[in-house]
Amino acid sequence: MSRTVWIRIVLAAAIALAALFFIRLHNAGGASSDSATGYRLAAAWCKDCHSIEAATAGASSGPPDFTAIADRRATTALSLKVFLQTSHPTMPNLILKPDESDSLVNYILSLKRN
């Protein structure tokens, strides 16, 4: 191959790696803001019944606290999203936008201790 072809290949690879780096950096920054948004949503909608902070875990004998929910072996982002979209007789019927659901799920999972 000629030198020009090699330069183009190296340049294309460098551009692709830079793009992946910036996409990853953007997603990492978004996850923390999603968690902060999720905390605000939990404080507005959930804290009347659930303990929503790690510091208050185990303080109530009522509905499970968010830390206990996060620590369950079966708890995943998908299981939480499905739970939030399903009606439950002991919970209000919350109608969440997809980004709100994602933020609340990210916050709950951020409380995972093990």
PDB file of N, CA and C in Angstrom:
ATOM      1  N   MET A   1       0.838  -1.188   0.000  1.00  0.00           N
ATOM      2  CA  MET A   1       0.000   0.000   0.000  1.00  0.00           C
ATOM      3  C   MET A   1       0.873   1.237   0.000  1.00  0.00           C
ATOM      4  N   SER A   2       0.308   2.280  -0.541  1.00  0.00           N
ATOM      5  CA  SER A   2       1.072   3.514  -0.596  1.00  0.00           C
ATOM      6  C   SER A   2       1.006   4.234   0.748  1.00  0.00           C
ATOM      7  N   ARG A   3       1.887   5.156   0.913  1.00  0.00           N
ATOM      8  CA  ARG A   3       1.973   5.931   2.153  1.00  0.00           C
ATOM      9  C   ARG A   3       0.683   6.738   2.385  1.00  0.00           C
ATOM     10  N   THR A   4       0.069   7.263   1.338  1.00  0.00           N
ATOM     11  CA  THR A   4      -1.157   8.055   1.454  1.00  0.00           C
ATOM     12  C   THR A   4      -2.302   7.211   2.019  1.00  0.00           C
ATOM     13  N   VAL A   5      -2.402   5.972   1.607  1.00  0.00           N
ATOM     14  CA  VAL A   5      -3.451   5.087   2.107  1.00  0.00           C
ATOM     15  C   VAL A   5      -3.263   4.857   3.604  1.00  0.00           C
ATOM     16  N   TRP A   6      -2.024   4.604   4.034  1.00  0.00           N
ATOM     17  CA  TRP A   6      -1.741   4.387   5.457  1.00  0.00           C
ATOM     18  C   TRP A   6      -2.062   5.634   6.285  1.00  0.00           C
ATOM     19  N   ILE A   7      -1.742   6.775   5.770  1.00  0.00           N
ATOM     20  CA  ILE A   7      -2.041   8.023   6.492  1.00  0.00           C
ATOM     21  C   ILE A   7      -3.556   8.172   6.636  1.00  0.00           C
ATOM     22  N   ARG A   8      -4.301   7.883   5.593  1.00  0.00           N
ATOM     23  CA  ARG A   8      -5.759   7.970   5.665  1.00  0.00           C
ATOM     24  C   ARG A   8      -6.333   6.966   6.677  1.00  0.00           C
ATOM     25  N   ILE A   9      -5.799   5.754   6.715  1.00  0.00           N
ATOM     26  CA  ILE A   9      -6.267   4.739   7.659  1.00  0.00           C
ATOM     27  C   ILE A   9      -5.996   5.176   9.097  1.00  0.00           C
ATOM     28  N   VAL A  10      -4.796   5.659   9.356  1.00  0.00           N
ATOM     29  CA  VAL A  10      -4.438   6.116  10.704  1.00  0.00           C
ATOM     30  C   VAL A  10      -5.295   7.318  11.100  1.00  0.00           C
ATOM     31  N   LEU A  11      -5.496   8.232  10.192  1.00  0.00           N
ATOM     32  CA  LEU A  11      -6.315   9.412  10.465  1.00  0.00           C
ATOM     33  C   LEU A  11      -7.767   9.013  10.759  1.00  0.00           C
ATOM     34  N   ALA A  12      -8.321   8.093   9.972  1.00  0.00           N
ATOM     35  CA  ALA A  12      -9.694   7.630  10.203  1.00  0.00           C
ATOM     36  C   ALA A  12      -9.815   6.933  11.557  1.00  0.00           C
ATOM     37  N   ALA A  13      -8.823   6.129  11.914  1.00  0.00           N
ATOM     38  CA  ALA A  13      -8.843   5.445  13.211  1.00  0.00           C
ATOM     39  C   ALA A  13      -8.756   6.446  14.355  1.00  0.00           C
ATOM     40  N   ALA A  14      -7.922   7.464  14.223  1.00  0.00           N
ATOM     41  CA  ALA A  14      -7.792   8.485  15.261  1.00  0.00           C
ATOM     42  C   ALA A  14      -9.094   9.265  15.433  1.00  0.00           C
ATOM     43  N   ILE A  15      -9.738   9.590  14.360  1.00  0.00           N
ATOM     44  CA  ILE A  15     -11.019  10.311  14.422  1.00  0.00           C
ATOM     45  C   ILE A  15     -12.081   9.434  15.082  1.00  0.00           C
ATOM     46  N   ALA A  16     -12.118   8.149  14.717  1.00  0.00           N
ATOM     47  CA  ALA A  16     -13.101   7.239  15.313  1.00  0.00           C
ATOM     48  C   ALA A  16     -12.862   7.094  16.810  1.00  0.00           C
ATOM     49  N   LEU A  17     -11.616   6.956  17.238  1.00  0.00           N
ATOM     50  CA  LEU A  17     -11.306   6.844  18.661  1.00  0.00           C
ATOM     51  C   LEU A  17     -11.669   8.124  19.414  1.00  0.00           C
ATOM     52  N   ALA A  18     -11.400   9.272  18.822  1.00  0.00           N
ATOM     53  CA  ALA A  18     -11.756  10.541  19.462  1.00  0.00           C
ATOM     54  C   ALA A  18     -13.274  10.666  19.605  1.00  0.00           C
ATOM     55  N   ALA A  19     -14.002  10.256  18.588  1.00  0.00           N
ATOM     56  CA  ALA A  19     -15.466  10.318  18.654  1.00  0.00           C
ATOM     57  C   ALA A  19     -15.995   9.396  19.747  1.00  0.00           C
ATOM     58  N   LEU A  20     -15.458   8.190  19.831  1.00  0.00           N
ATOM     59  CA  LEU A  20     -15.876   7.264  20.895  1.00  0.00           C
ATOM     60  C   LEU A  20     -15.551   7.816  22.274  1.00  0.00           C
ATOM     61  N   PHE A  21     -14.403   8.437  22.415  1.00  0.00           N
ATOM     62  CA  PHE A  21     -14.010   9.030  23.692  1.00  0.00           C
ATOM     63  C   PHE A  21     -14.995  10.124  24.104  1.00  0.00           C
ATOM     64  N   PHE A  22     -15.351  10.998  23.193  1.00  0.00           N
ATOM     65  CA  PHE A  22     -16.269  12.082  23.520  1.00  0.00           C
ATOM     66  C   PHE A  22     -17.682  11.578  23.788  1.00  0.00           C
ATOM     67  N   ILE A  23     -18.113  10.551  23.085  1.00  0.00           N
ATOM     68  CA  ILE A  23     -19.427   9.952  23.359  1.00  0.00           C
ATOM     69  C   ILE A  23     -19.422   9.336  24.750  1.00  0.00           C
ATOM     70  N   ARG A  24     -18.385   8.617  25.083  1.00  0.00           N
ATOM     71  CA  ARG A  24     -18.279   7.992  26.420  1.00  0.00           C
ATOM     72  C   ARG A  24     -18.220   9.059  27.504  1.00  0.00           C
ATOM     73  N   LEU A  25     -17.468  10.106  27.286  1.00  0.00           N
ATOM     74  CA  LEU A  25     -17.359  11.190  28.257  1.00  0.00           C
ATOM     75  C   LEU A  25     -18.716  11.864  28.461  1.00  0.00           C
ATOM     76  N   HIS A  26     -19.442  12.080  27.382  1.00  0.00           N
ATOM     77  CA  HIS A  26     -20.773  12.684  27.473  1.00  0.00           C
ATOM     78  C   HIS A  26     -21.725  11.792  28.270  1.00  0.00           C
ATOM     79  N   ASN A  27     -21.720  10.485  27.990  1.00  0.00           N
ATOM     80  CA  ASN A  27     -22.593   9.559  28.705  1.00  0.00           C
ATOM     81  C   ASN A  27     -22.237   9.476  30.176  1.00  0.00           C
ATOM     82  N   ALA A  28     -20.977   9.518  30.518  1.00  0.00           N
ATOM     83  CA  ALA A  28     -20.576   9.466  31.925  1.00  0.00           C
ATOM     84  C   ALA A  28     -21.075  10.693  32.660  1.00  0.00           C
ATOM     85  N   GLY A  29     -20.997  11.841  32.042  1.00  0.00           N
ATOM     86  CA  GLY A  29     -21.502  13.054  32.680  1.00  0.00           C
ATOM     87  C   GLY A  29     -23.003  13.033  32.818  1.00  0.00           C
ATOM     88  N   GLY A  30     -23.702  12.453  31.861  1.00  0.00           N
ATOM     89  CA  GLY A  30     -25.155  12.386  31.912  1.00  0.00           C
ATOM     90  C   GLY A  30     -25.665  11.468  33.006  1.00  0.00           C
ATOM     91  N   ALA A  31     -24.918  10.413  33.316  1.00  0.00           N
ATOM     92  CA  ALA A  31     -25.382   9.479  34.335  1.00  0.00           C
ATOM     93  C   ALA A  31     -25.470  10.137  35.696  1.00  0.00           C
ATOM     94  N   SER A  32     -24.497  10.992  36.024  1.00  0.00           N
ATOM     95  CA  SER A  32     -24.551  11.617  37.339  1.00  0.00           C
ATOM     96  C   SER A  32     -25.700  12.617  37.414  1.00  0.00           C
ATOM     97  N   SER A  33     -25.959  13.356  36.335  1.00  0.00           N
ATOM     98  CA  SER A  33     -27.080  14.289  36.376  1.00  0.00           C
ATOM     99  C   SER A  33     -28.397  13.531  36.407  1.00  0.00           C
ATOM    100  N   ASP A  34     -28.459  12.358  35.743  1.00  0.00           N
ATOM    101  CA  ASP A  34     -29.652  11.530  35.818  1.00  0.00           C
ATOM    102  C   ASP A  34     -29.906  11.099  37.257  1.00  0.00           C
ATOM    103  N   SER A  35     -28.841  10.744  37.960  1.00  0.00           N
ATOM    104  CA  SER A  35     -28.985  10.331  39.350  1.00  0.00           C
ATOM    105  C   SER A  35     -29.477  11.497  40.208  1.00  0.00           C
ATOM    106  N   ALA A  36     -28.960  12.685  39.978  1.00  0.00           N
ATOM    107  CA  ALA A  36     -29.407  13.864  40.730  1.00  0.00           C
ATOM    108  C   ALA A  36     -30.863  14.187  40.410  1.00  0.00           C
ATOM    109  N   THR A  37     -31.236  14.071  39.153  1.00  0.00           N
ATOM    110  CA  THR A  37     -32.626  14.282  38.770  1.00  0.00           C
ATOM    111  C   THR A  37     -33.511  13.215  39.413  1.00  0.00           C
ATOM    112  N   GLY A  38     -33.036  11.993  39.428  1.00  0.00           N
ATOM    113  CA  GLY A  38     -33.766  10.902  40.063  1.00  0.00           C
ATOM    114  C   GLY A  38     -33.980  11.148  41.546  1.00  0.00           C
ATOM    115  N   TYR A  39     -32.969  11.708  42.216  1.00  0.00           N
ATOM    116  CA  TYR A  39     -33.136  12.035  43.638  1.00  0.00           C
ATOM    117  C   TYR A  39     -34.237  13.080  43.816  1.00  0.00           C
ATOM    118  N   ARG A  40     -34.232  14.101  42.971  1.00  0.00           N
ATOM    119  CA  ARG A  40     -35.269  15.136  43.070  1.00  0.00           C
ATOM    120  C   ARG A  40     -36.660  14.553  42.827  1.00  0.00           C
ATOM    121  N   LEU A  41     -36.774  13.658  41.865  1.00  0.00           N
ATOM    122  CA  LEU A  41     -38.064  13.006  41.604  1.00  0.00           C
ATOM    123  C   LEU A  41     -38.486  12.155  42.796  1.00  0.00           C
ATOM    124  N   ALA A  42     -37.554  11.410  43.367  1.00  0.00           N
ATOM    125  CA  ALA A  42     -37.861  10.574  44.533  1.00  0.00           C
ATOM    126  C   ALA A  42     -38.283  11.438  45.715  1.00  0.00           C
ATOM    127  N   ALA A  43     -37.609  12.559  45.908  1.00  0.00           N
ATOM    128  CA  ALA A  43     -37.969  13.454  47.013  1.00  0.00           C
ATOM    129  C   ALA A  43     -39.368  14.030  46.815  1.00  0.00           C
ATOM    130  N   ALA A  44     -39.739  14.277  45.575  1.00  0.00           N
ATOM    131  CA  ALA A  44     -41.055  14.858  45.296  1.00  0.00           C
ATOM    132  C   ALA A  44     -42.169  13.816  45.351  1.00  0.00           C
ATOM    133  N   TRP A  45     -41.906  12.590  44.864  1.00  0.00           N
ATOM    134  CA  TRP A  45     -42.977  11.622  44.685  1.00  0.00           C
ATOM    135  C   TRP A  45     -42.941  10.442  45.642  1.00  0.00           C
ATOM    136  N   CYS A  46     -41.787  10.087  46.171  1.00  0.00           N
ATOM    137  CA  CYS A  46     -41.653   8.796  46.862  1.00  0.00           C
ATOM    138  C   CYS A  46     -41.389   8.895  48.357  1.00  0.00           C
ATOM    139  N   LYS A  47     -40.840  10.013  48.817  1.00  0.00           N
ATOM    140  CA  LYS A  47     -40.363  10.052  50.196  1.00  0.00           C
ATOM    141  C   LYS A  47     -41.464  10.063  51.250  1.00  0.00           C
ATOM    142  N   ASP A  48     -42.698  10.301  50.867  1.00  0.00           N
ATOM    143  CA  ASP A  48     -43.774  10.219  51.849  1.00  0.00           C
ATOM    144  C   ASP A  48     -43.960   8.782  52.350  1.00  0.00           C
ATOM    145  N   CYS A  49     -43.616   7.807  51.513  1.00  0.00           N
ATOM    146  CA  CYS A  49     -43.785   6.403  51.900  1.00  0.00           C
ATOM    147  C   CYS A  49     -42.456   5.657  52.051  1.00  0.00           C
ATOM    148  N   HIS A  50     -41.485   5.966  51.206  1.00  0.00           N
ATOM    149  CA  HIS A  50     -40.205   5.254  51.193  1.00  0.00           C
ATOM    150  C   HIS A  50     -39.102   6.115  51.793  1.00  0.00           C
ATOM    151  N   SER A  51     -38.152   5.450  52.427  1.00  0.00           N
ATOM    152  CA  SER A  51     -36.907   6.117  52.792  1.00  0.00           C
ATOM    153  C   SER A  51     -36.067   6.144  51.521  1.00  0.00           C
ATOM    154  N   ILE A  52     -35.680   7.325  51.054  1.00  0.00           N
ATOM    155  CA  ILE A  52     -35.045   7.423  49.735  1.00  0.00           C
ATOM    156  C   ILE A  52     -33.541   7.652  49.799  1.00  0.00           C
ATOM    157  N   GLU A  53     -32.974   7.763  50.986  1.00  0.00           N
ATOM    158  CA  GLU A  53     -31.545   8.040  51.122  1.00  0.00           C
ATOM    159  C   GLU A  53     -30.849   6.897  51.840  1.00  0.00           C
ATOM    160  N   ALA A  54     -29.586   6.678  51.501  1.00  0.00           N
ATOM    161  CA  ALA A  54     -28.819   5.615  52.135  1.00  0.00           C
ATOM    162  C   ALA A  54     -28.695   5.857  53.638  1.00  0.00           C
ATOM    163  N   ALA A  55     -28.614   7.102  54.066  1.00  0.00           N
ATOM    164  CA  ALA A  55     -28.436   7.432  55.482  1.00  0.00           C
ATOM    165  C   ALA A  55     -29.647   7.035  56.320  1.00  0.00           C
ATOM    166  N   THR A  56     -30.812   6.933  55.713  1.00  0.00           N
ATOM    167  CA  THR A  56     -32.027   6.604  56.462  1.00  0.00           C
ATOM    168  C   THR A  56     -32.494   5.183  56.178  1.00  0.00           C
ATOM    169  N   ALA A  57     -31.651   4.363  55.563  1.00  0.00           N
ATOM    170  CA  ALA A  57     -32.021   2.990  55.237  1.00  0.00           C
ATOM    171  C   ALA A  57     -32.340   2.219  56.507  1.00  0.00           C
ATOM    172  N   GLY A  58     -33.416   1.465  56.464  1.00  0.00           N
ATOM    173  CA  GLY A  58     -33.818   0.636  57.602  1.00  0.00           C
ATOM    174  C   GLY A  58     -34.547   1.386  58.699  1.00  0.00           C
ATOM    175  N   ALA A  59     -34.811   2.656  58.522  1.00  0.00           N
ATOM    176  CA  ALA A  59     -35.446   3.467  59.558  1.00  0.00           C
ATOM    177  C   ALA A  59     -36.947   3.258  59.635  1.00  0.00           C
ATOM    178  N   SER A  60     -37.540   2.670  58.628  1.00  0.00           N
ATOM    179  CA  SER A  60     -38.998   2.523  58.587  1.00  0.00           C
ATOM    180  C   SER A  60     -39.376   1.056  58.494  1.00  0.00           C
ATOM    181  N   SER A  61     -40.520   0.724  59.066  1.00  0.00           N
ATOM    182  CA  SER A  61     -41.011  -0.651  58.942  1.00  0.00           C
ATOM    183  C   SER A  61     -42.076  -0.748  57.848  1.00  0.00           C
ATOM    184  N   GLY A  62     -42.306   0.344  57.152  1.00  0.00           N
ATOM    185  CA  GLY A  62     -43.303   0.386  56.085  1.00  0.00           C
ATOM    186  C   GLY A  62     -42.752  -0.147  54.780  1.00  0.00           C
ATOM    187  N   PRO A  63     -43.064   0.513  53.682  1.00  0.00           N
ATOM    188  CA  PRO A  63     -42.564   0.081  52.369  1.00  0.00           C
ATOM    189  C   PRO A  63     -41.041   0.032  52.367  1.00  0.00           C
ATOM    190  N   PRO A  64     -40.465  -0.810  51.518  1.00  0.00           N
ATOM    191  CA  PRO A  64     -39.007  -0.948  51.512  1.00  0.00           C
ATOM    192  C   PRO A  64     -38.316   0.369  51.156  1.00  0.00           C
ATOM    193  N   ASP A  65     -37.163   0.603  51.786  1.00  0.00           N
ATOM    194  CA  ASP A  65     -36.410   1.802  51.443  1.00  0.00           C
ATOM    195  C   ASP A  65     -35.647   1.549  50.148  1.00  0.00           C
ATOM    196  N   PHE A  66     -35.251   2.640  49.515  1.00  0.00           N
ATOM    197  CA  PHE A  66     -34.610   2.533  48.204  1.00  0.00           C
ATOM    198  C   PHE A  66     -33.289   1.769  48.264  1.00  0.00           C
ATOM    199  N   THR A  67     -32.564   1.860  49.376  1.00  0.00           N
ATOM    200  CA  THR A  67     -31.312   1.125  49.495  1.00  0.00           C
ATOM    201  C   THR A  67     -31.586  -0.375  49.514  1.00  0.00           C
ATOM    202  N   ALA A  68     -32.614  -0.796  50.260  1.00  0.00           N
ATOM    203  CA  ALA A  68     -32.976  -2.216  50.293  1.00  0.00           C
ATOM    204  C   ALA A  68     -33.405  -2.700  48.915  1.00  0.00           C
ATOM    205  N   ILE A  69     -34.133  -1.872  48.201  1.00  0.00           N
ATOM    206  CA  ILE A  69     -34.565  -2.232  46.845  1.00  0.00           C
ATOM    207  C   ILE A  69     -33.336  -2.384  45.945  1.00  0.00           C
ATOM    208  N   ALA A  70     -32.421  -1.434  46.035  1.00  0.00           N
ATOM    209  CA  ALA A  70     -31.215  -1.476  45.201  1.00  0.00           C
ATOM    210  C   ALA A  70     -30.357  -2.701  45.517  1.00  0.00           C
ATOM    211  N   ASP A  71     -30.330  -3.105  46.793  1.00  0.00           N
ATOM    212  CA  ASP A  71     -29.483  -4.221  47.215  1.00  0.00           C
ATOM    213  C   ASP A  71     -30.053  -5.594  46.880  1.00  0.00           C
ATOM    214  N   ARG A  72     -31.303  -5.667  46.472  1.00  0.00           N
ATOM    215  CA  ARG A  72     -31.880  -6.966  46.126  1.00  0.00           C
ATOM    216  C   ARG A  72     -31.136  -7.566  44.943  1.00  0.00           C
ATOM    217  N   ARG A  73     -30.916  -8.851  45.007  1.00  0.00           N
ATOM    218  CA  ARG A  73     -30.172  -9.540  43.952  1.00  0.00           C
ATOM    219  C   ARG A  73     -30.868  -9.423  42.604  1.00  0.00           C
ATOM    220  N   ALA A  74     -32.199  -9.420  42.605  1.00  0.00           N
ATOM    221  CA  ALA A  74     -32.973  -9.386  41.357  1.00  0.00           C
ATOM    222  C   ALA A  74     -33.159  -7.981  40.799  1.00  0.00           C
ATOM    223  N   THR A  75     -32.710  -6.957  41.524  1.00  0.00           N
ATOM    224  CA  THR A  75     -32.925  -5.585  41.059  1.00  0.00           C
ATOM    225  C   THR A  75     -31.947  -5.236  39.944  1.00  0.00           C
ATOM    226  N   THR A  76     -32.518  -4.873  38.805  1.00  0.00           N
ATOM    227  CA  THR A  76     -31.738  -4.390  37.666  1.00  0.00           C
ATOM    228  C   THR A  76     -32.447  -3.153  37.128  1.00  0.00           C
ATOM    229  N   ALA A  77     -31.800  -2.475  36.227  1.00  0.00           N
ATOM    230  CA  ALA A  77     -32.436  -1.313  35.605  1.00  0.00           C
ATOM    231  C   ALA A  77     -33.740  -1.742  34.927  1.00  0.00           C
ATOM    232  N   LEU A  78     -33.701  -2.856  34.235  1.00  0.00           N
ATOM    233  CA  LEU A  78     -34.902  -3.331  33.537  1.00  0.00           C
ATOM    234  C   LEU A  78     -36.011  -3.689  34.526  1.00  0.00           C
ATOM    235  N   SER A  79     -35.675  -4.393  35.604  1.00  0.00           N
ATOM    236  CA  SER A  79     -36.723  -4.779  36.557  1.00  0.00           C
ATOM    237  C   SER A  79     -37.361  -3.554  37.212  1.00  0.00           C
ATOM    238  N   LEU A  80     -36.553  -2.540  37.491  1.00  0.00           N
ATOM    239  CA  LEU A  80     -37.108  -1.312  38.070  1.00  0.00           C
ATOM    240  C   LEU A  80     -37.999  -0.574  37.081  1.00  0.00           C
ATOM    241  N   LYS A  81     -37.578  -0.512  35.822  1.00  0.00           N
ATOM    242  CA  LYS A  81     -38.399   0.159  34.807  1.00  0.00           C
ATOM    243  C   LYS A  81     -39.738  -0.540  34.628  1.00  0.00           C
ATOM    244  N   VAL A  82     -39.712  -1.867  34.604  1.00  0.00           N
ATOM    245  CA  VAL A  82     -40.957  -2.626  34.477  1.00  0.00           C
ATOM    246  C   VAL A  82     -41.836  -2.375  35.698  1.00  0.00           C
ATOM    247  N   PHE A  83     -41.249  -2.407  36.893  1.00  0.00           N
ATOM    248  CA  PHE A  83     -42.016  -2.167  38.116  1.00  0.00           C
ATOM    249  C   PHE A  83     -42.668  -0.790  38.087  1.00  0.00           C
ATOM    250  N   LEU A  84     -41.920   0.223  37.655  1.00  0.00           N
ATOM    251  CA  LEU A  84     -42.449   1.583  37.639  1.00  0.00           C
ATOM    252  C   LEU A  84     -43.560   1.779  36.606  1.00  0.00           C
ATOM    253  N   GLN A  85     -43.610   0.915  35.615  1.00  0.00           N
ATOM    254  CA  GLN A  85     -44.641   1.027  34.575  1.00  0.00           C
ATOM    255  C   GLN A  85     -45.862   0.161  34.864  1.00  0.00           C
ATOM    256  N   THR A  86     -45.824  -0.584  35.974  1.00  0.00           N
ATOM    257  CA  THR A  86     -46.901  -1.500  36.318  1.00  0.00           C
ATOM    258  C   THR A  86     -47.707  -0.929  37.477  1.00  0.00           C
ATOM    259  N   SER A  87     -49.016  -1.029  37.406  1.00  0.00           N
ATOM    260  CA  SER A  87     -49.864  -0.568  38.505  1.00  0.00           C
ATOM    261  C   SER A  87     -49.732  -1.517  39.689  1.00  0.00           C
ATOM    262  N   HIS A  88     -49.721  -0.945  40.897  1.00  0.00           N
ATOM    263  CA  HIS A  88     -49.649  -1.726  42.124  1.00  0.00           C
ATOM    264  C   HIS A  88     -50.695  -1.193  43.089  1.00  0.00           C
ATOM    265  N   PRO A  89     -51.433  -2.075  43.753  1.00  0.00           N
ATOM    266  CA  PRO A  89     -52.520  -1.613  44.614  1.00  0.00           C
ATOM    267  C   PRO A  89     -52.059  -0.770  45.800  1.00  0.00           C
ATOM    268  N   THR A  90     -50.842  -0.948  46.247  1.00  0.00           N
ATOM    269  CA  THR A  90     -50.382  -0.211  47.429  1.00  0.00           C
ATOM    270  C   THR A  90     -49.583   1.044  47.071  1.00  0.00           C
ATOM    271  N   MET A  91     -49.466   1.334  45.795  1.00  0.00           N
ATOM    272  CA  MET A  91     -48.711   2.514  45.366  1.00  0.00           C
ATOM    273  C   MET A  91     -49.568   3.389  44.466  1.00  0.00           C
ATOM    274  N   PRO A  92     -49.287   4.691  44.473  1.00  0.00           N
ATOM    275  CA  PRO A  92     -49.979   5.556  43.506  1.00  0.00           C
ATOM    276  C   PRO A  92     -49.604   5.154  42.083  1.00  0.00           C
ATOM    277  N   ASN A  93     -50.486   5.386  41.160  1.00  0.00           N
ATOM    278  CA  ASN A  93     -50.224   5.078  39.765  1.00  0.00           C
ATOM    279  C   ASN A  93     -49.451   6.236  39.150  1.00  0.00           C
ATOM    280  N   LEU A  94     -48.131   6.154  39.212  1.00  0.00           N
ATOM    281  CA  LEU A  94     -47.281   7.208  38.649  1.00  0.00           C
ATOM    282  C   LEU A  94     -47.189   7.021  37.146  1.00  0.00           C
ATOM    283  N   ILE A  95     -47.340   8.100  36.433  1.00  0.00           N
ATOM    284  CA  ILE A  95     -47.147   8.070  34.990  1.00  0.00           C
ATOM    285  C   ILE A  95     -45.879   8.861  34.708  1.00  0.00           C
ATOM    286  N   LEU A  96     -44.827   8.114  34.425  1.00  0.00           N
ATOM    287  CA  LEU A  96     -43.505   8.706  34.241  1.00  0.00           C
ATOM    288  C   LEU A  96     -43.141   8.777  32.773  1.00  0.00           C
ATOM    289  N   LYS A  97     -42.500   9.860  32.403  1.00  0.00           N
ATOM    290  CA  LYS A  97     -41.909   9.955  31.073  1.00  0.00           C
ATOM    291  C   LYS A  97     -40.690   9.037  31.063  1.00  0.00           C
ATOM    292  N   PRO A  98     -40.266   8.578  29.896  1.00  0.00           N
ATOM    293  CA  PRO A  98     -39.106   7.678  29.845  1.00  0.00           C
ATOM    294  C   PRO A  98     -37.856   8.252  30.521  1.00  0.00           C
ATOM    295  N   ASP A  99     -37.584   9.545  30.330  1.00  0.00           N
ATOM    296  CA  ASP A  99     -36.390  10.123  30.944  1.00  0.00           C
ATOM    297  C   ASP A  99     -36.538  10.217  32.467  1.00  0.00           C
ATOM    298  N   GLU A 100     -37.752  10.428  32.958  1.00  0.00           N
ATOM    299  CA  GLU A 100     -37.986  10.457  34.399  1.00  0.00           C
ATOM    300  C   GLU A 100     -37.782   9.064  34.996  1.00  0.00           C
ATOM    301  N   SER A 101     -38.307   8.057  34.318  1.00  0.00           N
ATOM    302  CA  SER A 101     -38.125   6.681  34.759  1.00  0.00           C
ATOM    303  C   SER A 101     -36.645   6.322  34.796  1.00  0.00           C
ATOM    304  N   ASP A 102     -35.910   6.682  33.738  1.00  0.00           N
ATOM    305  CA  ASP A 102     -34.473   6.413  33.687  1.00  0.00           C
ATOM    306  C   ASP A 102     -33.742   7.097  34.833  1.00  0.00           C
ATOM    307  N   SER A 103     -34.097   8.337  35.113  1.00  0.00           N
ATOM    308  CA  SER A 103     -33.440   9.082  36.186  1.00  0.00           C
ATOM    309  C   SER A 103     -33.724   8.451  37.549  1.00  0.00           C
ATOM    310  N   LEU A 104     -34.960   8.075  37.785  1.00  0.00           N
ATOM    311  CA  LEU A 104     -35.323   7.452  39.055  1.00  0.00           C
ATOM    312  C   LEU A 104     -34.625   6.109  39.213  1.00  0.00           C
ATOM    313  N   VAL A 105     -34.568   5.328  38.159  1.00  0.00           N
ATOM    314  CA  VAL A 105     -33.864   4.047  38.181  1.00  0.00           C
ATOM    315  C   VAL A 105     -32.379   4.263  38.453  1.00  0.00           C
ATOM    316  N   ASN A 106     -31.771   5.229  37.787  1.00  0.00           N
ATOM    317  CA  ASN A 106     -30.346   5.514  38.015  1.00  0.00           C
ATOM    318  C   ASN A 106     -30.093   5.897  39.458  1.00  0.00           C
ATOM    319  N   TYR A 107     -30.986   6.691  40.037  1.00  0.00           N
ATOM    320  CA  TYR A 107     -30.809   7.082  41.432  1.00  0.00           C
ATOM    321  C   TYR A 107     -30.911   5.869  42.355  1.00  0.00           C
ATOM    322  N   ILE A 108     -31.940   5.046  42.166  1.00  0.00           N
ATOM    323  CA  ILE A 108     -32.112   3.875  43.033  1.00  0.00           C
ATOM    324  C   ILE A 108     -30.894   2.960  42.922  1.00  0.00           C
ATOM    325  N   LEU A 109     -30.427   2.704  41.721  1.00  0.00           N
ATOM    326  CA  LEU A 109     -29.266   1.832  41.546  1.00  0.00           C
ATOM    327  C   LEU A 109     -27.994   2.445  42.127  1.00  0.00           C
ATOM    328  N   SER A 110     -27.927   3.771  42.206  1.00  0.00           N
ATOM    329  CA  SER A 110     -26.735   4.410  42.778  1.00  0.00           C
ATOM    330  C   SER A 110     -26.622   4.137  44.278  1.00  0.00           C
ATOM    331  N   LEU A 111     -27.701   3.675  44.908  1.00  0.00           N
ATOM    332  CA  LEU A 111     -27.711   3.392  46.343  1.00  0.00           C
ATOM    333  C   LEU A 111     -27.250   1.971  46.663  1.00  0.00           C
ATOM    334  N   LYS A 112     -26.982   1.180  45.645  1.00  0.00           N
ATOM    335  CA  LYS A 112     -26.585  -0.219  45.834  1.00  0.00           C
ATOM    336  C   LYS A 112     -25.316  -0.300  46.680  1.00  0.00           C
ATOM    337  N   ARG A 113     -25.353  -1.116  47.747  1.00  0.00           N
ATOM    338  CA  ARG A 113     -24.204  -1.239  48.659  1.00  0.00           C
ATOM    339  C   ARG A 113     -23.367  -2.473  48.383  1.00  0.00           C
ATOM    340  N   ASN A 114     -23.902  -3.465  47.731  1.00  0.00           N
ATOM    341  CA  ASN A 114     -23.100  -4.688  47.535  1.00  0.00           C
ATOM    342  C   ASN A 114     -23.090  -5.128  46.107  1.00  0.00           C
TER     343      ASN A 114
END
